[in-house]
Amino acid sequence: MSFFQLLAEGDAISRAVALLLLVMSVASWVVILWKLWLLPRAAGDVTRSVAAFWQAPSLDDARQKVATFDRETLVLPLVTATRPEAPGTLAATGDRAQQLTRVLRDALHAAVNKLQYGQVLLATVGSTAPFVGLLGTVWGIYLALTGIASAGQITIDKVSGPVGEALIMTAAGLAVAIPAVLAYNVFGRQIGRIEAELEGFARDLRELLANRIP
């Protein structure tokens, strides 16, 4: 019996477990495919945007060049945030270095949150899918043993078939969890490298502008 046969022929709990695993698998693969496209693109854009910024003759030209390369808008918010605050507001209080620290920190957090989007889902699927599959297995074995007991005669054939069918749920849970865990770890390393580059750029940008008005 296949996973989809269990979905069609199982009781309400078995179907609910199977449907939950299916939803978790689809959701995780959507995130995986999206981040497989996003992260290499973002890494290349960040590298090109930072290089374009430092090669620009002025801050205004740098903003324009960064906007051209930064398709995921990860670097441009850092550059835009360095514009002077409106006078007469709390944001404009304190020295220039304090203002830059605050605005660059906020812009950096926003960029990192954009990169981290979907990681929680992958972590959740990777950590819970095996247990969801195990729940389906335990319930399937319980139903199988109940059916065998009601039949009044126990043989290896009657035990191995239903128990083997129930174990499909465990295999399904692992099949859902393993890609999510692997993707979470791989994407985490890629996000860490991009985040480190953004942090370095924000620190250099702060040092550049701390003692001058753009």
Protein backbone atom coordinates (compact mmCIF):
# COMPACT_ATOMS: atom_id res chain seq x y z
CA MET A 1 0.00 0.00 0.00
CA SER A 2 1.35 3.40 -0.94
CA PHE A 3 1.15 6.67 0.96
CA PHE A 4 -1.68 7.91 -1.25
CA GLN A 5 -3.61 4.65 -0.76
CA LEU A 6 -3.34 5.22 2.97
CA LEU A 7 -4.68 8.70 2.40
CA ALA A 8 -7.63 7.34 0.44
CA GLU A 9 -8.43 4.27 2.55
CA GLY A 10 -7.44 5.28 6.09
CA ASP A 11 -9.70 6.54 8.83
CA ALA A 12 -10.04 10.21 9.84
CA ILE A 13 -6.89 10.32 11.95
CA SER A 14 -4.77 8.53 9.36
CA ARG A 15 -6.01 10.91 6.67
CA ALA A 16 -5.37 13.93 8.87
CA VAL A 17 -1.80 12.81 9.53
CA ALA A 18 -1.20 12.06 5.86
CA LEU A 19 -2.65 15.39 4.77
CA LEU A 20 -0.57 17.23 7.35
CA LEU A 21 2.61 15.58 6.06
CA LEU A 22 1.62 16.43 2.51
CA VAL A 23 1.02 20.08 3.38
CA MET A 24 4.32 20.26 5.27
CA SER A 25 6.16 18.74 2.32
CA VAL A 26 4.62 21.10 -0.23
CA ALA A 27 5.25 24.15 1.96
CA SER A 28 8.87 23.23 2.63
CA TRP A 29 9.59 22.53 -1.04
CA VAL A 30 8.06 25.86 -2.06
CA VAL A 31 10.40 27.61 0.38
CA ILE A 32 13.37 25.48 -0.73
CA LEU A 33 12.87 26.25 -4.42
CA TRP A 34 12.28 29.94 -3.72
CA LYS A 35 15.44 30.26 -1.60
CA LEU A 36 17.47 28.28 -4.14
CA TRP A 37 16.62 31.09 -6.53
CA LEU A 38 16.83 33.97 -4.05
CA LEU A 39 20.05 33.42 -2.09
CA PRO A 40 22.56 33.07 -4.98
CA ARG A 41 20.94 36.08 -6.63
CA ALA A 42 21.11 38.07 -3.39
CA ALA A 43 24.74 37.11 -2.74
CA GLY A 44 25.78 38.27 -6.19
CA ASP A 45 23.78 41.49 -5.90
CA VAL A 46 25.28 42.36 -2.52
CA THR A 47 28.83 41.85 -3.80
CA ARG A 48 28.23 43.94 -6.90
CA SER A 49 26.35 46.65 -4.99
CA VAL A 50 29.08 47.07 -2.39
CA ALA A 51 31.75 47.22 -5.09
CA ALA A 52 29.72 49.78 -7.05
CA PHE A 53 29.27 51.91 -3.93
CA TRP A 54 32.96 52.21 -3.23
CA GLN A 55 33.76 52.94 -6.85
CA ALA A 56 31.29 55.85 -7.04
CA PRO A 57 32.68 59.41 -6.90
CA SER A 58 29.99 60.71 -4.53
CA LEU A 59 27.32 59.47 -2.19
CA ASP A 60 24.50 60.47 -4.55
CA ASP A 61 26.13 58.60 -7.42
CA ALA A 62 26.68 55.65 -5.12
CA ARG A 63 22.97 55.51 -4.28
CA GLN A 64 22.09 55.42 -7.98
CA LYS A 65 24.61 52.69 -8.77
CA VAL A 66 23.53 50.56 -5.82
CA ALA A 67 19.89 50.87 -6.88
CA THR A 68 20.88 49.47 -10.28
CA PHE A 69 22.55 46.34 -8.91
CA ASP A 70 20.57 45.70 -5.71
CA ARG A 71 17.55 43.84 -7.09
CA GLU A 72 16.61 42.40 -3.68
CA THR A 73 17.00 45.79 -1.95
CA LEU A 74 19.40 44.55 0.70
CA VAL A 75 22.15 47.17 0.36
CA LEU A 76 20.16 50.18 -0.80
CA PRO A 77 18.24 50.57 2.51
CA LEU A 78 21.58 50.83 4.31
CA VAL A 79 22.71 53.62 2.01
CA THR A 80 19.37 55.42 2.07
CA ALA A 81 19.18 55.24 5.86
CA THR A 82 22.29 57.42 6.17
CA ARG A 83 20.45 60.55 5.00
CA PRO A 84 20.26 63.20 7.76
CA GLU A 85 17.18 63.08 9.96
CA ALA A 86 14.66 65.89 9.92
CA PRO A 87 15.71 68.58 12.41
CA GLY A 88 13.60 69.06 15.51
CA THR A 89 12.85 65.35 15.98
CA LEU A 90 14.11 62.82 18.50
CA ALA A 91 15.72 60.91 15.64
CA ALA A 92 17.96 63.94 15.00
CA THR A 93 19.17 64.19 18.60
CA GLY A 94 22.61 62.99 19.52
CA ASP A 95 25.75 63.14 17.44
CA ARG A 96 26.06 61.88 13.89
CA ALA A 97 27.72 58.62 14.94
CA GLN A 98 24.80 57.71 17.22
CA GLN A 99 22.27 58.45 14.50
CA LEU A 100 24.17 56.31 12.00
CA THR A 101 24.43 53.44 14.46
CA ARG A 102 20.67 53.42 14.99
CA VAL A 103 19.55 53.73 11.37
CA LEU A 104 22.11 51.28 10.03
CA ARG A 105 21.20 48.74 12.72
CA ASP A 106 17.51 48.99 11.82
CA ALA A 107 18.21 48.70 8.08
CA LEU A 108 20.52 45.75 8.66
CA HIS A 109 17.91 43.94 10.77
CA ALA A 110 15.33 44.44 8.02
CA ALA A 111 17.69 43.02 5.39
CA VAL A 112 18.55 40.00 7.54
CA ASN A 113 14.87 39.34 8.27
CA LYS A 114 14.22 39.28 4.54
CA LEU A 115 16.99 36.71 4.06
CA GLN A 116 15.78 34.63 7.01
CA TYR A 117 12.20 34.44 5.72
CA GLY A 118 11.13 30.79 5.50
CA GLN A 119 13.87 29.45 7.75
CA VAL A 120 11.48 29.02 10.67
CA LEU A 121 9.15 26.95 8.50
CA LEU A 122 12.01 24.68 7.39
CA ALA A 123 13.18 24.24 10.98
CA THR A 124 9.64 23.48 12.15
CA VAL A 125 9.03 20.92 9.40
CA GLY A 126 12.41 19.30 9.94
CA SER A 127 11.88 18.91 13.68
CA THR A 128 8.21 17.89 13.74
CA ALA A 129 7.61 15.84 10.57
CA PRO A 130 9.24 12.64 11.97
CA PHE A 131 6.99 12.79 15.03
CA VAL A 132 3.91 13.40 12.91
CA GLY A 133 4.83 10.35 10.84
CA LEU A 134 5.43 8.36 14.01
CA LEU A 135 1.98 9.33 15.25
CA GLY A 136 0.50 7.95 12.03
CA THR A 137 2.51 4.76 12.45
CA VAL A 138 1.43 4.21 16.04
CA TRP A 139 -2.19 4.81 15.13
CA GLY A 140 -1.94 2.50 12.10
CA ILE A 141 -0.39 -0.28 14.18
CA TYR A 142 -3.10 0.14 16.79
CA LEU A 143 -5.81 -0.21 14.14
CA ALA A 144 -4.01 -3.18 12.58
CA LEU A 145 -3.70 -5.02 15.88
CA THR A 146 -7.31 -4.23 16.74
CA GLY A 147 -8.44 -5.67 13.41
CA ILE A 148 -6.30 -8.77 13.87
CA ALA A 149 -7.64 -9.32 17.40
CA SER A 150 -11.23 -9.03 16.21
CA ALA A 151 -10.54 -11.61 13.48
CA GLY A 152 -9.76 -14.17 16.16
CA GLN A 153 -6.78 -15.72 14.34
CA ILE A 154 -3.25 -14.32 14.26
CA THR A 155 -0.74 -15.27 11.58
CA ILE A 156 2.46 -13.68 10.32
CA ASP A 157 0.74 -12.65 7.09
CA LYS A 158 -2.04 -10.86 8.95
CA VAL A 159 0.46 -9.04 11.19
CA SER A 160 3.18 -8.12 8.69
CA GLY A 161 0.85 -6.58 6.10
CA PRO A 162 -0.98 -4.02 8.26
CA VAL A 163 2.13 -3.20 10.33
CA GLY A 164 4.17 -2.68 7.17
CA GLU A 165 1.49 -0.37 5.82
CA ALA A 166 1.50 1.63 9.04
CA LEU A 167 5.30 2.04 8.89
CA ILE A 168 4.87 3.92 5.62
CA MET A 169 3.85 6.90 7.76
CA THR A 170 7.25 6.87 9.49
CA ALA A 171 9.01 6.74 6.13
CA ALA A 172 6.82 9.59 4.89
CA GLY A 173 7.67 11.69 7.94
CA LEU A 174 11.40 11.17 7.35
CA ALA A 175 11.02 11.93 3.65
CA VAL A 176 9.42 15.25 4.56
CA ALA A 177 11.89 16.12 7.33
CA ILE A 178 15.24 15.28 5.71
CA PRO A 179 15.08 17.77 2.79
CA ALA A 180 13.87 20.50 5.16
CA VAL A 181 16.74 19.93 7.60
CA LEU A 182 19.37 19.80 4.86
CA ALA A 183 17.98 22.94 3.21
CA TYR A 184 17.84 24.76 6.55
CA ASN A 185 21.52 24.07 7.22
CA VAL A 186 22.68 24.93 3.70
CA PHE A 187 20.63 28.12 3.53
CA GLY A 188 21.75 29.11 7.01
CA ARG A 189 25.38 29.07 5.89
CA GLN A 190 24.58 31.12 2.79
CA ILE A 191 22.57 33.64 4.81
CA GLY A 192 25.41 33.89 7.32
CA ARG A 193 27.89 34.81 4.57
CA ILE A 194 25.56 37.47 3.12
CA GLU A 195 24.83 38.83 6.60
CA ALA A 196 28.55 39.10 7.36
CA GLU A 197 29.12 41.06 4.15
CA LEU A 198 26.23 43.40 4.96
CA GLU A 199 27.50 43.92 8.51
CA GLY A 200 30.97 44.75 7.21
CA PHE A 201 29.56 47.22 4.72
CA ALA A 202 27.37 48.86 7.39
CA ARG A 203 30.38 49.23 9.70
CA ASP A 204 32.53 50.74 6.94
CA LEU A 205 29.68 53.04 5.91
CA ARG A 206 29.29 54.28 9.46
CA GLU A 207 33.01 55.02 9.73
CA LEU A 208 32.91 56.88 6.44
CA LEU A 209 29.97 59.10 7.30
CA ALA A 210 30.33 59.53 11.08
CA ASN A 211 32.29 62.75 10.76
CA ARG A 212 30.81 64.22 7.59
CA ILE A 213 27.40 65.23 6.20
CA PRO A 214 26.54 63.47 2.91
